[in-house]
Full PDB file with SEQRES, HELIX, SHEET, SSBOND, CRYST1, ORIGX, SCALE, CONECT and MASTER records, all heavy atoms in Angstrom:
SEQRES   1 A   38  SER PRO ALA GLU VAL GLN THR PHE LEU ALA GLU THR LYS          
SEQRES   2 A   38  THR ARG ARG GLU LEU GLU GLU LEU PHE PHE ARG ASP VAL          
SEQRES   3 A   38  ALA ARG ASP VAL ARG MET SER TYR ASP ASP ARG PHE              
HELIX    1 AA1 PRO A    2  LEU A    9  1                                   8    
HELIX    2 AA2 THR A   12  LEU A   21  1                                  10    
HELIX    3 AA3 ARG A   24  ALA A   27  1                                   4    
CRYST1    1.000    1.000    1.000  90.00  90.00  90.00 P 1           1          
ORIGX1      1.000000  0.000000  0.000000        0.00000                         
ORIGX2      0.000000  1.000000  0.000000        0.00000                         
ORIGX3      0.000000  0.000000  1.000000        0.00000                         
SCALE1      1.000000  0.000000  0.000000        0.00000                         
SCALE2      0.000000  1.000000  0.000000        0.00000                         
SCALE3      0.000000  0.000000  1.000000        0.00000                         
ATOM      1  N   SER A   1     -21.187 -13.504  21.955  1.00  0.00           N  
ATOM      2  CA  SER A   1     -20.301 -12.395  22.283  1.00  0.00           C  
ATOM      3  C   SER A   1     -19.436 -12.075  21.061  1.00  0.00           C  
ATOM      4  O   SER A   1     -19.375 -12.878  20.118  1.00  0.00           O  
ATOM      5  CB  SER A   1     -19.392 -12.781  23.460  1.00  0.00           C  
ATOM      6  OG  SER A   1     -18.487 -13.804  23.041  1.00  0.00           O  
ATOM      7  N   PRO A   2     -18.748 -10.930  21.056  1.00  0.00           N  
ATOM      8  CA  PRO A   2     -17.852 -10.640  19.925  1.00  0.00           C  
ATOM      9  C   PRO A   2     -16.843 -11.751  19.667  1.00  0.00           C  
ATOM     10  O   PRO A   2     -16.579 -12.090  18.507  1.00  0.00           O  
ATOM     11  CB  PRO A   2     -17.171  -9.334  20.353  1.00  0.00           C  
ATOM     12  CG  PRO A   2     -18.198  -8.656  21.210  1.00  0.00           C  
ATOM     13  CD  PRO A   2     -18.877  -9.761  21.960  1.00  0.00           C  
ATOM     14  N   ALA A   3     -16.286 -12.334  20.710  1.00  0.00           N  
ATOM     15  CA  ALA A   3     -15.308 -13.408  20.523  1.00  0.00           C  
ATOM     16  C   ALA A   3     -15.962 -14.627  19.884  1.00  0.00           C  
ATOM     17  O   ALA A   3     -15.387 -15.282  19.005  1.00  0.00           O  
ATOM     18  CB  ALA A   3     -14.680 -13.779  21.860  1.00  0.00           C  
ATOM     19  N   GLU A   4     -17.176 -14.934  20.333  1.00  0.00           N  
ATOM     20  CA  GLU A   4     -17.883 -16.087  19.761  1.00  0.00           C  
ATOM     21  C   GLU A   4     -18.264 -15.835  18.305  1.00  0.00           C  
ATOM     22  O   GLU A   4     -18.216 -16.743  17.464  1.00  0.00           O  
ATOM     23  CB  GLU A   4     -19.128 -16.394  20.600  1.00  0.00           C  
ATOM     24  CG  GLU A   4     -18.803 -16.966  21.978  1.00  0.00           C  
ATOM     25  CD  GLU A   4     -20.022 -17.024  22.876  1.00  0.00           C  
ATOM     26  OE1 GLU A   4     -20.892 -16.123  22.775  1.00  0.00           O  
ATOM     27  OE2 GLU A   4     -20.119 -17.977  23.674  1.00  0.00           O  
ATOM     28  N   VAL A   5     -18.630 -14.594  17.990  1.00  0.00           N  
ATOM     29  CA  VAL A   5     -18.945 -14.249  16.603  1.00  0.00           C  
ATOM     30  C   VAL A   5     -17.720 -14.420  15.726  1.00  0.00           C  
ATOM     31  O   VAL A   5     -17.808 -14.934  14.602  1.00  0.00           O  
ATOM     32  CB  VAL A   5     -19.489 -12.809  16.512  1.00  0.00           C  
ATOM     33  CG1 VAL A   5     -19.509 -12.324  15.061  1.00  0.00           C  
ATOM     34  CG2 VAL A   5     -20.890 -12.727  17.111  1.00  0.00           C  
ATOM     35  N   GLN A   6     -16.569 -14.042  16.239  1.00  0.00           N  
ATOM     36  CA  GLN A   6     -15.340 -14.180  15.455  1.00  0.00           C  
ATOM     37  C   GLN A   6     -15.065 -15.645  15.111  1.00  0.00           C  
ATOM     38  O   GLN A   6     -14.682 -15.983  13.988  1.00  0.00           O  
ATOM     39  CB  GLN A   6     -14.162 -13.581  16.229  1.00  0.00           C  
ATOM     40  CG  GLN A   6     -12.920 -13.372  15.384  1.00  0.00           C  
ATOM     41  CD  GLN A   6     -11.974 -12.381  16.020  1.00  0.00           C  
ATOM     42  OE1 GLN A   6     -12.036 -12.101  17.217  1.00  0.00           O  
ATOM     43  NE2 GLN A   6     -11.078 -11.827  15.218  1.00  0.00           N  
ATOM     44  N   THR A   7     -15.292 -16.522  16.073  1.00  0.00           N  
ATOM     45  CA  THR A   7     -15.119 -17.956  15.832  1.00  0.00           C  
ATOM     46  C   THR A   7     -16.157 -18.463  14.836  1.00  0.00           C  
ATOM     47  O   THR A   7     -15.848 -19.240  13.923  1.00  0.00           O  
ATOM     48  CB  THR A   7     -15.245 -18.728  17.160  1.00  0.00           C  
ATOM     49  OG1 THR A   7     -14.256 -18.253  18.079  1.00  0.00           O  
ATOM     50  CG2 THR A   7     -15.060 -20.217  16.932  1.00  0.00           C  
ATOM     51  N   PHE A   8     -17.368 -17.977  15.010  1.00  0.00           N  
ATOM     52  CA  PHE A   8     -18.460 -18.372  14.125  1.00  0.00           C  
ATOM     53  C   PHE A   8     -18.166 -17.968  12.672  1.00  0.00           C  
ATOM     54  O   PHE A   8     -18.433 -18.722  11.731  1.00  0.00           O  
ATOM     55  CB  PHE A   8     -19.745 -17.701  14.619  1.00  0.00           C  
ATOM     56  CG  PHE A   8     -20.966 -18.006  13.818  1.00  0.00           C  
ATOM     57  CD1 PHE A   8     -21.491 -19.293  13.755  1.00  0.00           C  
ATOM     58  CD2 PHE A   8     -21.626 -16.991  13.129  1.00  0.00           C  
ATOM     59  CE1 PHE A   8     -22.638 -19.570  13.022  1.00  0.00           C  
ATOM     60  CE2 PHE A   8     -22.774 -17.260  12.394  1.00  0.00           C  
ATOM     61  CZ  PHE A   8     -23.280 -18.546  12.341  1.00  0.00           C  
ATOM     62  N   LEU A   9     -17.591 -16.785  12.492  1.00  0.00           N  
ATOM     63  CA  LEU A   9     -17.308 -16.285  11.147  1.00  0.00           C  
ATOM     64  C   LEU A   9     -16.119 -16.991  10.499  1.00  0.00           C  
ATOM     65  O   LEU A   9     -15.909 -16.870   9.286  1.00  0.00           O  
ATOM     66  CB  LEU A   9     -17.037 -14.783  11.192  1.00  0.00           C  
ATOM     67  CG  LEU A   9     -18.240 -13.900  11.543  1.00  0.00           C  
ATOM     68  CD1 LEU A   9     -17.818 -12.455  11.670  1.00  0.00           C  
ATOM     69  CD2 LEU A   9     -19.336 -14.038  10.491  1.00  0.00           C  
ATOM     70  N   ALA A  10     -15.337 -17.695  11.293  1.00  0.00           N  
ATOM     71  CA  ALA A  10     -14.196 -18.418  10.733  1.00  0.00           C  
ATOM     72  C   ALA A  10     -14.643 -19.608   9.889  1.00  0.00           C  
ATOM     73  O   ALA A  10     -13.875 -20.138   9.088  1.00  0.00           O  
ATOM     74  CB  ALA A  10     -13.274 -18.889  11.852  1.00  0.00           C  
ATOM     75  N   GLU A  11     -15.899 -19.997  10.047  1.00  0.00           N  
ATOM     76  CA  GLU A  11     -16.421 -21.119   9.269  1.00  0.00           C  
ATOM     77  C   GLU A  11     -16.718 -20.660   7.843  1.00  0.00           C  
ATOM     78  O   GLU A  11     -17.376 -19.643   7.623  1.00  0.00           O  
ATOM     79  CB  GLU A  11     -17.698 -21.655   9.915  1.00  0.00           C  
ATOM     80  CG  GLU A  11     -17.498 -22.187  11.333  1.00  0.00           C  
ATOM     81  CD  GLU A  11     -18.809 -22.635  11.961  1.00  0.00           C  
ATOM     82  OE1 GLU A  11     -19.810 -22.739  11.211  1.00  0.00           O  
ATOM     83  OE2 GLU A  11     -18.837 -22.859  13.185  1.00  0.00           O  
ATOM     84  N   THR A  12     -16.235 -21.391   6.880  1.00  0.00           N  
ATOM     85  CA  THR A  12     -16.402 -21.039   5.467  1.00  0.00           C  
ATOM     86  C   THR A  12     -17.875 -20.925   5.091  1.00  0.00           C  
ATOM     87  O   THR A  12     -18.274 -20.016   4.352  1.00  0.00           O  
ATOM     88  CB  THR A  12     -15.724 -22.086   4.574  1.00  0.00           C  
ATOM     89  OG1 THR A  12     -14.348 -22.175   4.935  1.00  0.00           O  
ATOM     90  CG2 THR A  12     -15.853 -21.711   3.099  1.00  0.00           C  
ATOM     91  N   LYS A  13     -18.694 -21.814   5.618  1.00  0.00           N  
ATOM     92  CA  LYS A  13     -20.119 -21.809   5.300  1.00  0.00           C  
ATOM     93  C   LYS A  13     -20.762 -20.490   5.719  1.00  0.00           C  
ATOM     94  O   LYS A  13     -21.580 -19.916   4.978  1.00  0.00           O  
ATOM     95  CB  LYS A  13     -20.809 -22.979   5.997  1.00  0.00           C  
ATOM     96  CG  LYS A  13     -22.317 -23.032   5.753  1.00  0.00           C  
ATOM     97  CD  LYS A  13     -22.972 -24.157   6.557  1.00  0.00           C  
ATOM     98  CE  LYS A  13     -24.481 -24.108   6.397  1.00  0.00           C  
ATOM     99  NZ  LYS A  13     -25.161 -25.134   7.223  1.00  0.00           N  
ATOM    100  N   THR A  14     -20.422 -20.000   6.889  1.00  0.00           N  
ATOM    101  CA  THR A  14     -20.988 -18.747   7.387  1.00  0.00           C  
ATOM    102  C   THR A  14     -20.603 -17.584   6.483  1.00  0.00           C  
ATOM    103  O   THR A  14     -21.444 -16.751   6.123  1.00  0.00           O  
ATOM    104  CB  THR A  14     -20.499 -18.469   8.823  1.00  0.00           C  
ATOM    105  OG1 THR A  14     -20.819 -19.569   9.653  1.00  0.00           O  
ATOM    106  CG2 THR A  14     -21.149 -17.207   9.366  1.00  0.00           C  
ATOM    107  N   ARG A  15     -19.328 -17.536   6.114  1.00  0.00           N  
ATOM    108  CA  ARG A  15     -18.854 -16.457   5.245  1.00  0.00           C  
ATOM    109  C   ARG A  15     -19.612 -16.467   3.920  1.00  0.00           C  
ATOM    110  O   ARG A  15     -20.000 -15.419   3.398  1.00  0.00           O  
ATOM    111  CB  ARG A  15     -17.349 -16.616   4.986  1.00  0.00           C  
ATOM    112  CG  ARG A  15     -16.480 -16.250   6.175  1.00  0.00           C  
ATOM    113  CD  ARG A  15     -16.456 -14.752   6.370  1.00  0.00           C  
ATOM    114  NE  ARG A  15     -15.548 -14.366   7.449  1.00  0.00           N  
ATOM    115  CZ  ARG A  15     -15.343 -13.105   7.850  1.00  0.00           C  
ATOM    116  NH1 ARG A  15     -15.988 -12.131   7.247  1.00  0.00           N  
ATOM    117  NH2 ARG A  15     -14.522 -12.842   8.835  1.00  0.00           N  
ATOM    118  N   ARG A  16     -19.795 -17.637   3.376  1.00  0.00           N  
ATOM    119  CA  ARG A  16     -20.502 -17.742   2.095  1.00  0.00           C  
ATOM    120  C   ARG A  16     -21.942 -17.272   2.216  1.00  0.00           C  
ATOM    121  O   ARG A  16     -22.483 -16.594   1.341  1.00  0.00           O  
ATOM    122  CB  ARG A  16     -20.455 -19.178   1.583  1.00  0.00           C  
ATOM    123  CG  ARG A  16     -19.090 -19.593   1.013  1.00  0.00           C  
ATOM    124  CD  ARG A  16     -19.103 -21.036   0.597  1.00  0.00           C  
ATOM    125  NE  ARG A  16     -17.795 -21.440   0.086  1.00  0.00           N  
ATOM    126  CZ  ARG A  16     -17.422 -22.681  -0.096  1.00  0.00           C  
ATOM    127  NH1 ARG A  16     -18.264 -23.667   0.196  1.00  0.00           N  
ATOM    128  NH2 ARG A  16     -16.221 -22.983  -0.575  1.00  0.00           N  
ATOM    129  N   GLU A  17     -22.601 -17.636   3.318  1.00  0.00           N  
ATOM    130  CA  GLU A  17     -23.970 -17.202   3.543  1.00  0.00           C  
ATOM    131  C   GLU A  17     -24.066 -15.686   3.611  1.00  0.00           C  
ATOM    132  O   GLU A  17     -24.962 -15.074   3.015  1.00  0.00           O  
ATOM    133  CB  GLU A  17     -24.513 -17.814   4.835  1.00  0.00           C  
ATOM    134  CG  GLU A  17     -24.831 -19.293   4.733  1.00  0.00           C  
ATOM    135  CD  GLU A  17     -25.318 -19.864   6.052  1.00  0.00           C  
ATOM    136  OE1 GLU A  17     -25.222 -19.155   7.078  1.00  0.00           O  
ATOM    137  OE2 GLU A  17     -25.779 -21.022   6.064  1.00  0.00           O  
ATOM    138  N   LEU A  18     -23.127 -15.066   4.327  1.00  0.00           N  
ATOM    139  CA  LEU A  18     -23.135 -13.610   4.447  1.00  0.00           C  
ATOM    140  C   LEU A  18     -22.894 -12.942   3.099  1.00  0.00           C  
ATOM    141  O   LEU A  18     -23.508 -11.907   2.781  1.00  0.00           O  
ATOM    142  CB  LEU A  18     -22.078 -13.153   5.458  1.00  0.00           C  
ATOM    143  CG  LEU A  18     -22.359 -13.487   6.920  1.00  0.00           C  
ATOM    144  CD1 LEU A  18     -21.202 -13.031   7.798  1.00  0.00           C  
ATOM    145  CD2 LEU A  18     -23.654 -12.840   7.383  1.00  0.00           C  
ATOM    146  N   GLU A  19     -22.000 -13.491   2.311  1.00  0.00           N  
ATOM    147  CA  GLU A  19     -21.724 -12.914   0.995  1.00  0.00           C  
ATOM    148  C   GLU A  19     -22.927 -13.030   0.074  1.00  0.00           C  
ATOM    149  O   GLU A  19     -23.136 -12.189  -0.798  1.00  0.00           O  
ATOM    150  CB  GLU A  19     -20.497 -13.582   0.366  1.00  0.00           C  
ATOM    151  CG  GLU A  19     -19.195 -13.187   1.051  1.00  0.00           C  
ATOM    152  CD  GLU A  19     -17.981 -13.814   0.397  1.00  0.00           C  
ATOM    153  OE1 GLU A  19     -18.142 -14.435  -0.676  1.00  0.00           O  
ATOM    154  OE2 GLU A  19     -16.873 -13.677   0.941  1.00  0.00           O  
ATOM    155  N   GLU A  20     -23.733 -14.058   0.257  1.00  0.00           N  
ATOM    156  CA  GLU A  20     -24.945 -14.216  -0.549  1.00  0.00           C  
ATOM    157  C   GLU A  20     -26.036 -13.246  -0.105  1.00  0.00           C  
ATOM    158  O   GLU A  20     -26.821 -12.755  -0.919  1.00  0.00           O  
ATOM    159  CB  GLU A  20     -25.455 -15.650  -0.454  1.00  0.00           C  
ATOM    160  CG  GLU A  20     -24.580 -16.664  -1.181  1.00  0.00           C  
ATOM    161  CD  GLU A  20     -25.043 -18.091  -0.950  1.00  0.00           C  
ATOM    162  OE1 GLU A  20     -26.074 -18.273  -0.252  1.00  0.00           O  
ATOM    163  OE2 GLU A  20     -24.389 -19.025  -1.454  1.00  0.00           O  
ATOM    164  N   LEU A  21     -26.080 -12.938   1.196  1.00  0.00           N  
ATOM    165  CA  LEU A  21     -27.145 -12.095   1.734  1.00  0.00           C  
ATOM    166  C   LEU A  21     -26.820 -10.608   1.651  1.00  0.00           C  
ATOM    167  O   LEU A  21     -27.719  -9.777   1.502  1.00  0.00           O  
ATOM    168  CB  LEU A  21     -27.416 -12.469   3.197  1.00  0.00           C  
ATOM    169  CG  LEU A  21     -28.024 -13.846   3.446  1.00  0.00           C  
ATOM    170  CD1 LEU A  21     -28.044 -14.152   4.933  1.00  0.00           C  
ATOM    171  CD2 LEU A  21     -29.438 -13.913   2.863  1.00  0.00           C  
ATOM    172  N   PHE A  22     -25.535 -10.268   1.781  1.00  0.00           N  
ATOM    173  CA  PHE A  22     -25.110  -8.877   1.797  1.00  0.00           C  
ATOM    174  C   PHE A  22     -24.227  -8.592   0.586  1.00  0.00           C  
ATOM    175  O   PHE A  22     -23.900  -9.475  -0.192  1.00  0.00           O  
ATOM    176  CB  PHE A  22     -24.334  -8.571   3.081  1.00  0.00           C  
ATOM    177  CG  PHE A  22     -25.163  -8.649   4.334  1.00  0.00           C  
ATOM    178  CD1 PHE A  22     -25.292  -9.846   5.030  1.00  0.00           C  
ATOM    179  CD2 PHE A  22     -25.811  -7.532   4.823  1.00  0.00           C  
ATOM    180  CE1 PHE A  22     -26.048  -9.924   6.191  1.00  0.00           C  
ATOM    181  CE2 PHE A  22     -26.580  -7.594   5.980  1.00  0.00           C  
ATOM    182  CZ  PHE A  22     -26.692  -8.794   6.661  1.00  0.00           C  
ATOM    183  N   PHE A  23     -23.829  -7.311   0.464  1.00  0.00           N  
ATOM    184  CA  PHE A  23     -22.854  -6.965  -0.563  1.00  0.00           C  
ATOM    185  C   PHE A  23     -21.548  -7.694  -0.254  1.00  0.00           C  
ATOM    186  O   PHE A  23     -21.043  -7.656   0.862  1.00  0.00           O  
ATOM    187  CB  PHE A  23     -22.615  -5.451  -0.584  1.00  0.00           C  
ATOM    188  CG  PHE A  23     -23.869  -4.668  -0.836  1.00  0.00           C  
ATOM    189  CD1 PHE A  23     -24.470  -3.928   0.173  1.00  0.00           C  
ATOM    190  CD2 PHE A  23     -24.456  -4.662  -2.091  1.00  0.00           C  
ATOM    191  CE1 PHE A  23     -25.628  -3.198  -0.059  1.00  0.00           C  
ATOM    192  CE2 PHE A  23     -25.622  -3.937  -2.337  1.00  0.00           C  
ATOM    193  CZ  PHE A  23     -26.206  -3.206  -1.318  1.00  0.00           C  
ATOM    194  N   ARG A  24     -20.963  -8.324  -1.240  1.00  0.00           N  
ATOM    195  CA  ARG A  24     -19.856  -9.253  -1.011  1.00  0.00           C  
ATOM    196  C   ARG A  24     -18.673  -8.608  -0.295  1.00  0.00           C  
ATOM    197  O   ARG A  24     -18.143  -9.149   0.666  1.00  0.00           O  
ATOM    198  CB  ARG A  24     -19.402  -9.862  -2.336  1.00  0.00           C  
ATOM    199  CG  ARG A  24     -18.221 -10.798  -2.191  1.00  0.00           C  
ATOM    200  CD  ARG A  24     -18.019 -11.634  -3.435  1.00  0.00           C  
ATOM    201  NE  ARG A  24     -19.162 -12.503  -3.693  1.00  0.00           N  
ATOM    202  CZ  ARG A  24     -19.192 -13.406  -4.667  1.00  0.00           C  
ATOM    203  NH1 ARG A  24     -18.182 -13.538  -5.474  1.00  0.00           N  
ATOM    204  NH2 ARG A  24     -20.256 -14.169  -4.828  1.00  0.00           N  
ATOM    205  N   ASP A  25     -18.252  -7.409  -0.760  1.00  0.00           N  
ATOM    206  CA  ASP A  25     -17.059  -6.808  -0.163  1.00  0.00           C  
ATOM    207  C   ASP A  25     -17.292  -6.411   1.283  1.00  0.00           C  
ATOM    208  O   ASP A  25     -16.391  -6.472   2.119  1.00  0.00           O  
ATOM    209  CB  ASP A  25     -16.588  -5.599  -0.981  1.00  0.00           C  
ATOM    210  CG  ASP A  25     -17.687  -4.576  -1.161  1.00  0.00           C  
ATOM    211  OD1 ASP A  25     -18.870  -4.932  -1.010  1.00  0.00           O  
ATOM    212  OD2 ASP A  25     -17.365  -3.410  -1.445  1.00  0.00           O  
ATOM    213  N   VAL A  26     -18.542  -6.016   1.612  1.00  0.00           N  
ATOM    214  CA  VAL A  26     -18.856  -5.624   2.988  1.00  0.00           C  
ATOM    215  C   VAL A  26     -18.949  -6.844   3.887  1.00  0.00           C  
ATOM    216  O   VAL A  26     -18.571  -6.800   5.064  1.00  0.00           O  
ATOM    217  CB  VAL A  26     -20.175  -4.825   3.028  1.00  0.00           C  
ATOM    218  CG1 VAL A  26     -20.508  -4.429   4.457  1.00  0.00           C  
ATOM    219  CG2 VAL A  26     -20.064  -3.589   2.156  1.00  0.00           C  
ATOM    220  N   ALA A  27     -19.437  -7.958   3.370  1.00  0.00           N  
ATOM    221  CA  ALA A  27     -19.586  -9.169   4.173  1.00  0.00           C  
ATOM    222  C   ALA A  27     -18.246  -9.713   4.644  1.00  0.00           C  
ATOM    223  O   ALA A  27     -18.181 -10.513   5.571  1.00  0.00           O  
ATOM    224  CB  ALA A  27     -20.334 -10.231   3.379  1.00  0.00           C  
ATOM    225  N   ARG A  28     -17.161  -9.285   4.002  1.00  0.00           N  
ATOM    226  CA  ARG A  28     -15.832  -9.760   4.395  1.00  0.00           C  
ATOM    227  C   ARG A  28     -15.242  -8.957   5.546  1.00  0.00           C  
ATOM    228  O   ARG A  28     -14.168  -9.278   6.041  1.00  0.00           O  
ATOM    229  CB  ARG A  28     -14.897  -9.700   3.184  1.00  0.00           C  
ATOM    230  CG  ARG A  28     -15.285 -10.664   2.067  1.00  0.00           C  
ATOM    231  CD  ARG A  28     -14.490 -10.404   0.808  1.00  0.00           C  
ATOM    232  NE  ARG A  28     -14.870 -11.333  -0.251  1.00  0.00           N  
ATOM    233  CZ  ARG A  28     -14.546 -11.173  -1.534  1.00  0.00           C  
ATOM    234  NH1 ARG A  28     -13.834 -10.132  -1.902  1.00  0.00           N  
ATOM    235  NH2 ARG A  28     -14.927 -12.060  -2.438  1.00  0.00           N  
ATOM    236  N   ASP A  29     -15.926  -7.897   5.936  1.00  0.00           N  
ATOM    237  CA  ASP A  29     -15.363  -6.990   6.946  1.00  0.00           C  
ATOM    238  C   ASP A  29     -16.391  -6.734   8.031  1.00  0.00           C  
ATOM    239  O   ASP A  29     -17.092  -5.712   8.026  1.00  0.00           O  
ATOM    240  CB  ASP A  29     -14.939  -5.693   6.271  1.00  0.00           C  
ATOM    241  CG  ASP A  29     -14.243  -4.757   7.233  1.00  0.00           C  
ATOM    242  OD1 ASP A  29     -13.748  -5.233   8.264  1.00  0.00           O  
ATOM    243  OD2 ASP A  29     -14.202  -3.544   6.953  1.00  0.00           O  
ATOM    244  N   VAL A  30     -16.506  -7.675   8.948  1.00  0.00           N  
ATOM    245  CA  VAL A  30     -17.508  -7.594  10.014  1.00  0.00           C  
ATOM    246  C   VAL A  30     -16.903  -6.907  11.233  1.00  0.00           C  
ATOM    247  O   VAL A  30     -15.793  -7.207  11.652  1.00  0.00           O  
ATOM    248  CB  VAL A  30     -18.000  -9.005  10.396  1.00  0.00           C  
ATOM    249  CG1 VAL A  30     -19.008  -8.935  11.538  1.00  0.00           C  
ATOM    250  CG2 VAL A  30     -18.609  -9.690   9.185  1.00  0.00           C  
ATOM    251  N   ARG A  31     -17.654  -5.966  11.813  1.00  0.00           N  
ATOM    252  CA  ARG A  31     -17.192  -5.276  13.021  1.00  0.00           C  
ATOM    253  C   ARG A  31     -17.394  -6.176  14.240  1.00  0.00           C  
ATOM    254  O   ARG A  31     -18.506  -6.659  14.482  1.00  0.00           O  
ATOM    255  CB  ARG A  31     -17.976  -3.980  13.229  1.00  0.00           C  
ATOM    256  CG  ARG A  31     -17.647  -2.888  12.236  1.00  0.00           C  
ATOM    257  CD  ARG A  31     -18.488  -1.655  12.534  1.00  0.00           C  
ATOM    258  NE  ARG A  31     -18.250  -0.611  11.551  1.00  0.00           N  
ATOM    259  CZ  ARG A  31     -18.996   0.469  11.431  1.00  0.00           C  
ATOM    260  NH1 ARG A  31     -20.047   0.648  12.238  1.00  0.00           N  
ATOM    261  NH2 ARG A  31     -18.709   1.388  10.514  1.00  0.00           N  
ATOM    262  N   MET A  32     -16.348  -6.335  15.008  1.00  0.00           N  
ATOM    263  CA  MET A  32     -16.451  -7.136  16.229  1.00  0.00           C  
ATOM    264  C   MET A  32     -16.856  -6.242  17.403  1.00  0.00           C  
ATOM    265  O   MET A  32     -16.202  -6.174  18.440  1.00  0.00           O  
ATOM    266  CB  MET A  32     -15.124  -7.838  16.507  1.00  0.00           C  
ATOM    267  CG  MET A  32     -14.778  -8.880  15.463  1.00  0.00           C  
ATOM    268  SD  MET A  32     -16.094 -10.123  15.326  1.00  0.00           S  
ATOM    269  CE  MET A  32     -15.885 -10.605  13.614  1.00  0.00           C  
ATOM    270  N   SER A  33     -17.951  -5.523  17.195  1.00  0.00           N  
ATOM    271  CA  SER A  33     -18.484  -4.633  18.231  1.00  0.00           C  
ATOM    272  C   SER A  33     -19.976  -4.456  17.960  1.00  0.00           C  
ATOM    273  O   SER A  33     -20.526  -5.007  17.009  1.00  0.00           O  
ATOM    274  CB  SER A  33     -17.782  -3.267  18.178  1.00  0.00           C  
ATOM    275  OG  SER A  33     -18.184  -2.557  17.020  1.00  0.00           O  
ATOM    276  N   TYR A  34     -20.617  -3.657  18.821  1.00  0.00           N  
ATOM    277  CA  TYR A  34     -22.036  -3.359  18.645  1.00  0.00           C  
ATOM    278  C   TYR A  34     -22.247  -1.969  18.042  1.00  0.00           C  
ATOM    279  O   TYR A  34     -23.380  -1.474  18.007  1.00  0.00           O  
ATOM    280  CB  TYR A  34     -22.760  -3.458  19.994  1.00  0.00           C  
ATOM    281  CG  TYR A  34     -22.708  -4.849  20.598  1.00  0.00           C  
ATOM    282  CD1 TYR A  34     -21.685  -5.196  21.470  1.00  0.00           C  
ATOM    283  CD2 TYR A  34     -23.673  -5.804  20.294  1.00  0.00           C  
ATOM    284  CE1 TYR A  34     -21.620  -6.476  22.025  1.00  0.00           C  
ATOM    285  CE2 TYR A  34     -23.626  -7.082  20.837  1.00  0.00           C  
ATOM    286  CZ  TYR A  34     -22.591  -7.408  21.712  1.00  0.00           C  
ATOM    287  OH  TYR A  34     -22.534  -8.668  22.238  1.00  0.00           O  
ATOM    288  N   ASP A  35     -21.198  -1.345  17.565  1.00  0.00           N  
ATOM    289  CA  ASP A  35     -21.278  -0.008  16.987  1.00  0.00           C  
ATOM    290  C   ASP A  35     -22.084  -0.065  15.689  1.00  0.00           C  
ATOM    291  O   ASP A  35     -21.674  -0.700  14.722  1.00  0.00           O  
ATOM    292  CB  ASP A  35     -19.858   0.514  16.707  1.00  0.00           C  
ATOM    293  CG  ASP A  35     -19.844   1.977  16.300  1.00  0.00           C  
ATOM    294  OD1 ASP A  35     -20.928   2.539  16.043  1.00  0.00           O  
ATOM    295  OD2 ASP A  35     -18.741   2.565  16.231  1.00  0.00           O  
ATOM    296  N   ASP A  36     -23.241   0.603  15.676  1.00  0.00           N  
ATOM    297  CA  ASP A  36     -24.104   0.549  14.490  1.00  0.00           C  
ATOM    298  C   ASP A  36     -24.009   1.796  13.624  1.00  0.00           C  
ATOM    299  O   ASP A  36     -24.817   1.998  12.712  1.00  0.00           O  
ATOM    300  CB  ASP A  36     -25.562   0.306  14.894  1.00  0.00           C  
ATOM    301  CG  ASP A  36     -26.162   1.473  15.668  1.00  0.00           C  
ATOM    302  OD1 ASP A  36     -25.399   2.352  16.143  1.00  0.00           O  
ATOM    303  OD2 ASP A  36     -27.405   1.524  15.796  1.00  0.00           O  
ATOM    304  N   ARG A  37     -23.030   2.659  13.884  1.00  0.00           N  
ATOM    305  CA  ARG A  37     -22.839   3.832  13.026  1.00  0.00           C  
ATOM    306  C   ARG A  37     -22.203   3.410  11.702  1.00  0.00           C  
ATOM    307  O   ARG A  37     -21.332   2.540  11.689  1.00  0.00           O  
ATOM    308  CB  ARG A  37     -21.959   4.869  13.711  1.00  0.00           C  
ATOM    309  CG  ARG A  37     -22.532   5.425  15.018  1.00  0.00           C  
ATOM    310  CD  ARG A  37     -21.528   6.341  15.683  1.00  0.00           C  
ATOM    311  NE  ARG A  37     -20.274   5.633  15.965  1.00  0.00           N  
ATOM    312  CZ  ARG A  37     -19.118   6.227  16.237  1.00  0.00           C  
ATOM    313  NH1 ARG A  37     -19.037   7.554  16.257  1.00  0.00           N  
ATOM    314  NH2 ARG A  37     -18.043   5.510  16.482  1.00  0.00           N  
ATOM    315  N   PHE A  38     -22.636   4.041  10.623  1.00  0.00           N  
ATOM    316  CA  PHE A  38     -22.083   3.682   9.331  1.00  0.00           C  
ATOM    317  C   PHE A  38     -20.635   4.148   9.219  1.00  0.00           C  
ATOM    318  O   PHE A  38     -19.797   3.461   8.639  1.00  0.00           O  
ATOM    319  CB  PHE A  38     -22.915   4.300   8.208  1.00  0.00           C  
ATOM    320  CG  PHE A  38     -22.640   3.691   6.861  1.00  0.00           C  
ATOM    321  CD1 PHE A  38     -23.182   2.463   6.523  1.00  0.00           C  
ATOM    322  CD2 PHE A  38     -21.835   4.336   5.938  1.00  0.00           C  
ATOM    323  CE1 PHE A  38     -22.931   1.885   5.285  1.00  0.00           C  
ATOM    324  CE2 PHE A  38     -21.567   3.770   4.705  1.00  0.00           C  
ATOM    325  CZ  PHE A  38     -22.117   2.539   4.370  1.00  0.00           C  
TER     326      PHE A  38                                                      
MASTER        0    0    0    3    0    0    0    6  325    1    0    3          
END                                                                             
């Protein structure tokens, strides 16, 4: 769920993985919703 994702993203390891896979500045700003519009 969005709440569970928020907890999951609080882990440093997860953040680092996202920054490696995506553009770094965007990986720091995750939407806590299912809105897929840019």
